[in-house]
Amino acid sequence: MAAGWQYLMRLTSTGTHTMFTLSINWLAVLLSTVALQMLGAAWFMGVIPKPYALALERTDLVDRKPEPIFIAGPLLCGLVVTVANAILLRSFHIDTMPDALVFGAISGIGYLVATVFNVAINPNIPRPVLYGAINAPYFLLSNLVSCAILTAMP
């Protein structure tokens, strides 16, 4: 039952019982994904390239052209996060901007920021606190942007 960019989803836990039914605006998902990609490019290539390289002790990365995986990977991950946000916002019937931003902050801090620091606690990352401190703001901000776009375009 597709109507324009709207698509009705039925998610089931078994073959016979519907867990919930929701409508997702796929244009909003696309715009949110592109916004996250643009924000990520600005953040990682414009705001923090030197601190990022320092956190990894890889100063050779500064001013180096990113390989395709460093463009396609974040794009795909941004899409996954955006689809998850769209499903959860609809499932929880969050349809006002203040509620969407509270949800974005809770899920951003609770899942994304926590995961950034968890990934940073790794023998391959020489400065885990710096790594977390410079990456976490992007992931929190990007989640807020995603939730705002998805809510502004119901």
Foldseek 3Di string as FASTA:
>chain_A
DDDQQWDWDFDDPDPPDTPDIFIFRVVLLVVLLVVLLVLVCCQCLPPCVCLLCVQQVNNVRHPDDDDPCVRVVSSVVSSVLLVVLRVVCGVVVPQDLVSLLVVLQCCLVVPVLVVQLVVLPDPSGNRSVSSSVSPSVSSSVSSSSSSNSRNVPD
